[in-house]
Each structure stands twice: as C-alpha cells, then as structure tokens.
Amino acid sequence: QVQLVESGGGLVQAGGSLRLSCTASRTIVGITAMNWYRQAPGKQRELVAAINSDGYTNYADSVRGRFTISRDSAKNTVFLRLNSLKPEDTAVYYCRALYMDAGIEYTYWGQGTQVTVSS
C-alpha cells in the first residue's frame, strides 16, 4: 500500500502564491500519471493539473497560466505551484496517483490539503 501525503496548503491573500507538495511513501511501480484535484464546498471534485510519465502536463482552463505542476521522481514527489491566487481557488486540494499493474489501472489518493484565498 502507498500513502500519498499532501502539504503546503494554507491561508493566503488574493494574488498570493503557494506551493503544494504530494509525496508518496514509496516508489510507485508502473505509474502513469500524477494529478491534482480540488473540491470546493458544495461542488464536485475537479481535475486541476496532471503530469504523465513522459512529463507531459495538462491544466484546467481555470488555472492555466497560473498553476504549474512538476515532479521530482527521485523524491517520489509532485508539486503544484499556485500563483495569482483568487478567492475562487479556495478548496481542498488532493493528489492522485494512477498506475498500471498487469494491464489494470489503479489509483491512490491523498488526504487533501486546504487552500483558502481571502479577498
């Protein structure tokens, strides 16, 4: 079993920045992608950013140009840099790891880290 632990959330004023980290307890063999999701109160969880095993990244339209996903494979860590934060970015941010094992895709989720942006 792999645990994903997020950190770096907090309270920040609009226009500010944060860097979230997600560290896996061990190397995930067969990993295909690491994603960041967020869930605001009363809303569905949404995909914010993704990075696949080739380093290709993708972003939700609402964060493109403001957020940057990156990884340090040696440290089993994926990062999400949040710049130019807006109150509507307030949410719990979760990381998710997807991996393949014998042709079947599996997933791990972290416990989430709260990001609160004040106006």
N, C-alpha and C. Protein backbone atom coordinates (compact mmCIF):
# COMPACT_ATOMS: atom_id res chain seq x y z
N GLN A 1 0.84 -1.19 0.00
CA GLN A 1 0.00 0.00 0.00
C GLN A 1 0.88 1.24 0.00
N VAL A 2 0.44 2.25 -0.70
CA VAL A 2 1.17 3.51 -0.81
C VAL A 2 0.34 4.62 -0.19
N GLN A 3 0.98 5.42 0.61
CA GLN A 3 0.32 6.61 1.14
C GLN A 3 0.82 7.85 0.40
N LEU A 4 -0.12 8.70 0.04
CA LEU A 4 0.20 9.99 -0.55
C LEU A 4 -0.09 11.06 0.49
N VAL A 5 0.89 11.89 0.76
CA VAL A 5 0.74 12.92 1.78
C VAL A 5 0.93 14.28 1.15
N GLU A 6 -0.14 15.09 1.18
CA GLU A 6 -0.06 16.45 0.67
C GLU A 6 0.34 17.41 1.77
N SER A 7 0.97 18.48 1.39
CA SER A 7 1.32 19.55 2.33
C SER A 7 1.43 20.85 1.56
N GLY A 8 1.52 21.95 2.30
CA GLY A 8 1.74 23.24 1.67
C GLY A 8 0.53 24.13 1.59
N GLY A 9 -0.63 23.61 1.96
CA GLY A 9 -1.82 24.45 1.93
C GLY A 9 -1.78 25.49 3.04
N GLY A 10 -2.74 26.40 2.97
CA GLY A 10 -2.83 27.43 3.99
C GLY A 10 -3.73 28.56 3.58
N LEU A 11 -3.65 29.65 4.34
CA LEU A 11 -4.43 30.84 4.08
C LEU A 11 -3.55 31.88 3.40
N VAL A 12 -4.01 32.42 2.30
CA VAL A 12 -3.23 33.41 1.55
C VAL A 12 -4.16 34.46 1.00
N GLN A 13 -3.66 35.66 0.83
CA GLN A 13 -4.47 36.72 0.24
C GLN A 13 -4.53 36.57 -1.27
N ALA A 14 -5.59 37.11 -1.83
CA ALA A 14 -5.72 37.09 -3.29
C ALA A 14 -4.48 37.70 -3.93
N GLY A 15 -4.02 37.06 -4.99
CA GLY A 15 -2.80 37.49 -5.66
C GLY A 15 -1.55 36.81 -5.15
N GLY A 16 -1.68 36.11 -4.05
CA GLY A 16 -0.54 35.42 -3.46
C GLY A 16 -0.24 34.08 -4.11
N SER A 17 0.72 33.39 -3.52
CA SER A 17 1.19 32.12 -4.08
C SER A 17 1.35 31.07 -2.99
N LEU A 18 1.24 29.83 -3.40
CA LEU A 18 1.51 28.69 -2.54
C LEU A 18 2.17 27.61 -3.39
N ARG A 19 2.88 26.72 -2.72
CA ARG A 19 3.37 25.52 -3.40
C ARG A 19 2.94 24.31 -2.61
N LEU A 20 2.15 23.48 -3.27
CA LEU A 20 1.69 22.23 -2.67
C LEU A 20 2.64 21.11 -3.04
N SER A 21 2.80 20.19 -2.12
CA SER A 21 3.62 19.00 -2.36
C SER A 21 2.80 17.76 -2.09
N CYS A 22 3.11 16.73 -2.81
CA CYS A 22 2.48 15.42 -2.60
C CYS A 22 3.59 14.38 -2.68
N THR A 23 3.84 13.73 -1.58
CA THR A 23 4.92 12.75 -1.51
C THR A 23 4.36 11.36 -1.29
N ALA A 24 4.81 10.43 -2.10
CA ALA A 24 4.42 9.04 -1.96
C ALA A 24 5.35 8.35 -0.97
N SER A 25 4.78 7.40 -0.21
CA SER A 25 5.57 6.73 0.82
C SER A 25 6.64 5.81 0.24
N ARG A 26 6.46 5.45 -1.03
CA ARG A 26 7.48 4.66 -1.72
C ARG A 26 7.30 4.86 -3.21
N THR A 27 8.27 4.40 -3.97
CA THR A 27 8.18 4.49 -5.42
C THR A 27 7.00 3.65 -5.91
N ILE A 28 6.19 4.25 -6.78
CA ILE A 28 5.04 3.55 -7.34
C ILE A 28 5.47 2.96 -8.68
N VAL A 29 5.57 1.64 -8.74
CA VAL A 29 5.97 0.97 -9.97
C VAL A 29 4.83 1.03 -10.97
N GLY A 30 5.16 1.35 -12.22
CA GLY A 30 4.15 1.38 -13.26
C GLY A 30 3.29 2.64 -13.24
N ILE A 31 3.78 3.68 -12.58
CA ILE A 31 2.97 4.89 -12.50
C ILE A 31 2.78 5.48 -13.90
N THR A 32 1.58 5.94 -14.16
CA THR A 32 1.28 6.53 -15.46
C THR A 32 1.04 8.03 -15.38
N ALA A 33 0.54 8.49 -14.24
CA ALA A 33 0.27 9.92 -14.12
C ALA A 33 0.10 10.29 -12.65
N MET A 34 0.36 11.57 -12.39
CA MET A 34 0.06 12.16 -11.09
C MET A 34 -0.83 13.36 -11.35
N ASN A 35 -1.90 13.46 -10.64
CA ASN A 35 -2.87 14.54 -10.85
C ASN A 35 -3.11 15.31 -9.57
N TRP A 36 -3.49 16.55 -9.74
CA TRP A 36 -4.01 17.36 -8.65
C TRP A 36 -5.48 17.67 -8.93
N TYR A 37 -6.30 17.43 -7.93
CA TYR A 37 -7.72 17.76 -7.99
C TYR A 37 -8.02 18.79 -6.89
N ARG A 38 -9.17 19.38 -6.98
CA ARG A 38 -9.64 20.23 -5.88
C ARG A 38 -11.15 20.08 -5.74
N GLN A 39 -11.60 20.34 -4.52
CA GLN A 39 -13.03 20.28 -4.25
C GLN A 39 -13.40 21.42 -3.32
N ALA A 40 -14.22 22.31 -3.84
CA ALA A 40 -14.72 23.42 -3.06
C ALA A 40 -16.02 23.00 -2.37
N PRO A 41 -16.39 23.68 -1.29
CA PRO A 41 -17.63 23.32 -0.58
C PRO A 41 -18.84 23.35 -1.51
N GLY A 42 -19.59 22.27 -1.49
CA GLY A 42 -20.80 22.19 -2.30
C GLY A 42 -20.58 21.93 -3.76
N LYS A 43 -19.33 21.68 -4.15
CA LYS A 43 -19.04 21.44 -5.56
C LYS A 43 -18.39 20.08 -5.75
N GLN A 44 -18.41 19.62 -6.99
CA GLN A 44 -17.79 18.34 -7.30
C GLN A 44 -16.27 18.49 -7.36
N ARG A 45 -15.59 17.41 -7.13
CA ARG A 45 -14.14 17.41 -7.25
C ARG A 45 -13.78 17.58 -8.73
N GLU A 46 -12.82 18.44 -9.00
CA GLU A 46 -12.43 18.70 -10.38
C GLU A 46 -10.93 18.53 -10.56
N LEU A 47 -10.56 18.10 -11.76
CA LEU A 47 -9.15 17.95 -12.11
C LEU A 47 -8.56 19.33 -12.36
N VAL A 48 -7.44 19.60 -11.72
CA VAL A 48 -6.78 20.89 -11.85
C VAL A 48 -5.55 20.80 -12.76
N ALA A 49 -4.73 19.78 -12.54
CA ALA A 49 -3.50 19.66 -13.31
C ALA A 49 -3.06 18.21 -13.31
N ALA A 50 -2.34 17.84 -14.36
CA ALA A 50 -1.88 16.47 -14.50
C ALA A 50 -0.51 16.45 -15.12
N ILE A 51 0.28 15.45 -14.75
CA ILE A 51 1.57 15.22 -15.38
C ILE A 51 1.71 13.72 -15.57
N ASN A 52 2.07 13.31 -16.81
CA ASN A 52 2.16 11.88 -17.04
C ASN A 52 3.60 11.42 -16.95
N SER A 53 3.82 10.15 -17.21
CA SER A 53 5.14 9.56 -17.03
C SER A 53 6.16 10.12 -18.01
N ASP A 54 5.70 10.72 -19.09
CA ASP A 54 6.60 11.36 -20.05
C ASP A 54 6.86 12.83 -19.73
N GLY A 55 6.23 13.30 -18.69
CA GLY A 55 6.40 14.70 -18.31
C GLY A 55 5.44 15.65 -18.98
N TYR A 56 4.52 15.11 -19.74
CA TYR A 56 3.52 15.95 -20.41
C TYR A 56 2.55 16.48 -19.36
N THR A 57 2.25 17.76 -19.43
CA THR A 57 1.36 18.38 -18.45
C THR A 57 0.08 18.87 -19.10
N ASN A 58 -0.96 18.97 -18.29
CA ASN A 58 -2.23 19.49 -18.75
C ASN A 58 -2.91 20.19 -17.59
N TYR A 59 -3.70 21.21 -17.92
CA TYR A 59 -4.31 22.04 -16.88
C TYR A 59 -5.77 22.33 -17.20
N ALA A 60 -6.53 22.54 -16.14
CA ALA A 60 -7.88 23.05 -16.32
C ALA A 60 -7.80 24.48 -16.84
N ASP A 61 -8.78 24.85 -17.64
CA ASP A 61 -8.77 26.20 -18.22
C ASP A 61 -8.73 27.27 -17.12
N SER A 62 -9.36 26.99 -16.01
CA SER A 62 -9.48 27.99 -14.95
C SER A 62 -8.14 28.30 -14.26
N VAL A 63 -7.15 27.42 -14.43
CA VAL A 63 -5.87 27.62 -13.75
C VAL A 63 -4.71 27.74 -14.71
N ARG A 64 -4.94 27.49 -15.98
CA ARG A 64 -3.83 27.51 -16.95
C ARG A 64 -3.17 28.88 -16.95
N GLY A 65 -1.86 28.90 -16.88
CA GLY A 65 -1.11 30.14 -16.83
C GLY A 65 -0.85 30.64 -15.42
N ARG A 66 -1.57 30.08 -14.45
CA ARG A 66 -1.37 30.49 -13.04
C ARG A 66 -0.77 29.37 -12.20
N PHE A 67 -1.14 28.13 -12.52
CA PHE A 67 -0.67 26.97 -11.75
C PHE A 67 0.35 26.20 -12.59
N THR A 68 1.31 25.59 -11.91
CA THR A 68 2.32 24.78 -12.59
C THR A 68 2.52 23.48 -11.83
N ILE A 69 2.38 22.37 -12.53
CA ILE A 69 2.63 21.06 -11.94
C ILE A 69 4.03 20.62 -12.34
N SER A 70 4.73 20.01 -11.39
CA SER A 70 6.07 19.50 -11.67
C SER A 70 6.30 18.30 -10.76
N ARG A 71 7.43 17.65 -10.97
CA ARG A 71 7.69 16.46 -10.16
C ARG A 71 9.18 16.33 -9.89
N ASP A 72 9.48 15.61 -8.83
CA ASP A 72 10.84 15.18 -8.51
C ASP A 72 10.74 13.67 -8.30
N SER A 73 10.99 12.94 -9.37
CA SER A 73 10.80 11.49 -9.32
C SER A 73 11.71 10.83 -8.29
N ALA A 74 12.90 11.37 -8.11
CA ALA A 74 13.84 10.79 -7.15
C ALA A 74 13.29 10.86 -5.73
N LYS A 75 12.45 11.85 -5.48
CA LYS A 75 11.87 12.03 -4.15
C LYS A 75 10.42 11.59 -4.09
N ASN A 76 9.95 10.95 -5.16
CA ASN A 76 8.55 10.47 -5.21
C ASN A 76 7.57 11.60 -4.87
N THR A 77 7.84 12.77 -5.40
CA THR A 77 7.07 13.95 -5.04
C THR A 77 6.59 14.68 -6.29
N VAL A 78 5.36 15.14 -6.23
CA VAL A 78 4.82 16.01 -7.26
C VAL A 78 4.42 17.32 -6.59
N PHE A 79 4.62 18.40 -7.31
CA PHE A 79 4.36 19.72 -6.77
C PHE A 79 3.26 20.41 -7.59
N LEU A 80 2.60 21.35 -6.95
CA LEU A 80 1.69 22.24 -7.66
C LEU A 80 1.96 23.65 -7.16
N ARG A 81 2.48 24.47 -8.06
CA ARG A 81 2.73 25.87 -7.75
C ARG A 81 1.48 26.66 -8.11
N LEU A 82 0.96 27.40 -7.14
CA LEU A 82 -0.25 28.18 -7.34
C LEU A 82 0.11 29.66 -7.28
N ASN A 83 0.02 30.35 -8.39
CA ASN A 83 0.31 31.78 -8.44
C ASN A 83 -0.97 32.56 -8.74
N SER A 84 -0.93 33.84 -8.44
CA SER A 84 -2.05 34.74 -8.73
C SER A 84 -3.36 34.17 -8.22
N LEU A 85 -3.33 33.74 -6.99
CA LEU A 85 -4.49 33.05 -6.43
C LEU A 85 -5.70 33.97 -6.33
N LYS A 86 -6.86 33.36 -6.52
CA LYS A 86 -8.14 34.04 -6.48
C LYS A 86 -9.01 33.39 -5.40
N PRO A 87 -9.97 34.13 -4.85
CA PRO A 87 -10.85 33.52 -3.85
C PRO A 87 -11.54 32.26 -4.36
N GLU A 88 -11.82 32.20 -5.65
CA GLU A 88 -12.48 31.01 -6.20
C GLU A 88 -11.56 29.80 -6.28
N ASP A 89 -10.27 29.98 -5.97
CA ASP A 89 -9.36 28.84 -5.88
C ASP A 89 -9.45 28.15 -4.53
N THR A 90 -10.21 28.72 -3.60
CA THR A 90 -10.38 28.11 -2.29
C THR A 90 -11.00 26.73 -2.41
N ALA A 91 -10.34 25.74 -1.85
CA ALA A 91 -10.78 24.35 -1.95
C ALA A 91 -9.83 23.46 -1.17
N VAL A 92 -10.23 22.22 -1.02
CA VAL A 92 -9.30 21.19 -0.57
C VAL A 92 -8.65 20.61 -1.82
N TYR A 93 -7.34 20.57 -1.82
CA TYR A 93 -6.58 20.08 -2.96
C TYR A 93 -6.09 18.67 -2.65
N TYR A 94 -6.33 17.77 -3.59
CA TYR A 94 -5.96 16.36 -3.44
C TYR A 94 -5.00 15.95 -4.55
N CYS A 95 -4.05 15.10 -4.22
CA CYS A 95 -3.26 14.50 -5.29
C CYS A 95 -3.72 13.05 -5.49
N ARG A 96 -3.49 12.61 -6.68
CA ARG A 96 -3.91 11.27 -7.10
C ARG A 96 -2.82 10.67 -7.95
N ALA A 97 -2.50 9.42 -7.69
CA ALA A 97 -1.52 8.68 -8.50
C ALA A 97 -2.25 7.58 -9.24
N LEU A 98 -1.97 7.46 -10.53
CA LEU A 98 -2.52 6.37 -11.33
C LEU A 98 -1.38 5.47 -11.77
N TYR A 99 -1.60 4.17 -11.70
CA TYR A 99 -0.55 3.24 -12.13
C TYR A 99 -1.18 2.00 -12.72
N MET A 100 -0.39 1.32 -13.52
CA MET A 100 -0.82 0.11 -14.19
C MET A 100 -0.14 -1.10 -13.55
N ASP A 101 -0.92 -2.15 -13.36
CA ASP A 101 -0.39 -3.41 -12.84
C ASP A 101 -1.12 -4.54 -13.57
N ALA A 102 -0.36 -5.31 -14.34
CA ALA A 102 -0.94 -6.41 -15.12
C ALA A 102 -2.09 -5.93 -15.99
N GLY A 103 -1.92 -4.77 -16.58
CA GLY A 103 -2.91 -4.25 -17.51
C GLY A 103 -4.11 -3.60 -16.88
N ILE A 104 -4.14 -3.51 -15.58
CA ILE A 104 -5.27 -2.88 -14.88
C ILE A 104 -4.80 -1.58 -14.25
N GLU A 105 -5.63 -0.54 -14.38
CA GLU A 105 -5.26 0.76 -13.82
C GLU A 105 -5.78 0.85 -12.38
N TYR A 106 -4.90 1.31 -11.49
CA TYR A 106 -5.25 1.52 -10.10
C TYR A 106 -4.97 2.97 -9.74
N THR A 107 -5.45 3.37 -8.58
CA THR A 107 -5.27 4.75 -8.17
C THR A 107 -5.09 4.85 -6.66
N TYR A 108 -4.29 5.82 -6.25
CA TYR A 108 -4.15 6.19 -4.86
C TYR A 108 -4.56 7.66 -4.73
N TRP A 109 -5.14 8.00 -3.59
CA TRP A 109 -5.49 9.37 -3.29
C TRP A 109 -4.81 9.81 -1.99
N GLY A 110 -4.47 11.08 -1.94
CA GLY A 110 -4.02 11.66 -0.70
C GLY A 110 -5.20 12.13 0.13
N GLN A 111 -4.90 12.65 1.31
CA GLN A 111 -5.96 13.05 2.24
C GLN A 111 -6.42 14.48 2.02
N GLY A 112 -5.66 15.23 1.24
CA GLY A 112 -6.06 16.60 0.92
C GLY A 112 -5.39 17.64 1.79
N THR A 113 -5.23 18.82 1.22
CA THR A 113 -4.70 19.96 1.95
C THR A 113 -5.55 21.18 1.62
N GLN A 114 -5.91 21.94 2.63
CA GLN A 114 -6.83 23.07 2.46
C GLN A 114 -6.09 24.30 1.95
N VAL A 115 -6.64 24.90 0.91
CA VAL A 115 -6.15 26.19 0.41
C VAL A 115 -7.30 27.19 0.55
N THR A 116 -7.05 28.26 1.25
CA THR A 116 -8.05 29.30 1.45
C THR A 116 -7.47 30.63 0.97
N VAL A 117 -8.17 31.27 0.04
CA VAL A 117 -7.72 32.53 -0.52
C VAL A 117 -8.70 33.62 -0.09
N SER A 118 -8.20 34.60 0.62
CA SER A 118 -9.05 35.69 1.09
C SER A 118 -9.01 36.85 0.11
N SER A 119 -10.12 37.55 0.04
CA SER A 119 -10.22 38.67 -0.90
C SER A 119 -9.72 39.97 -0.28
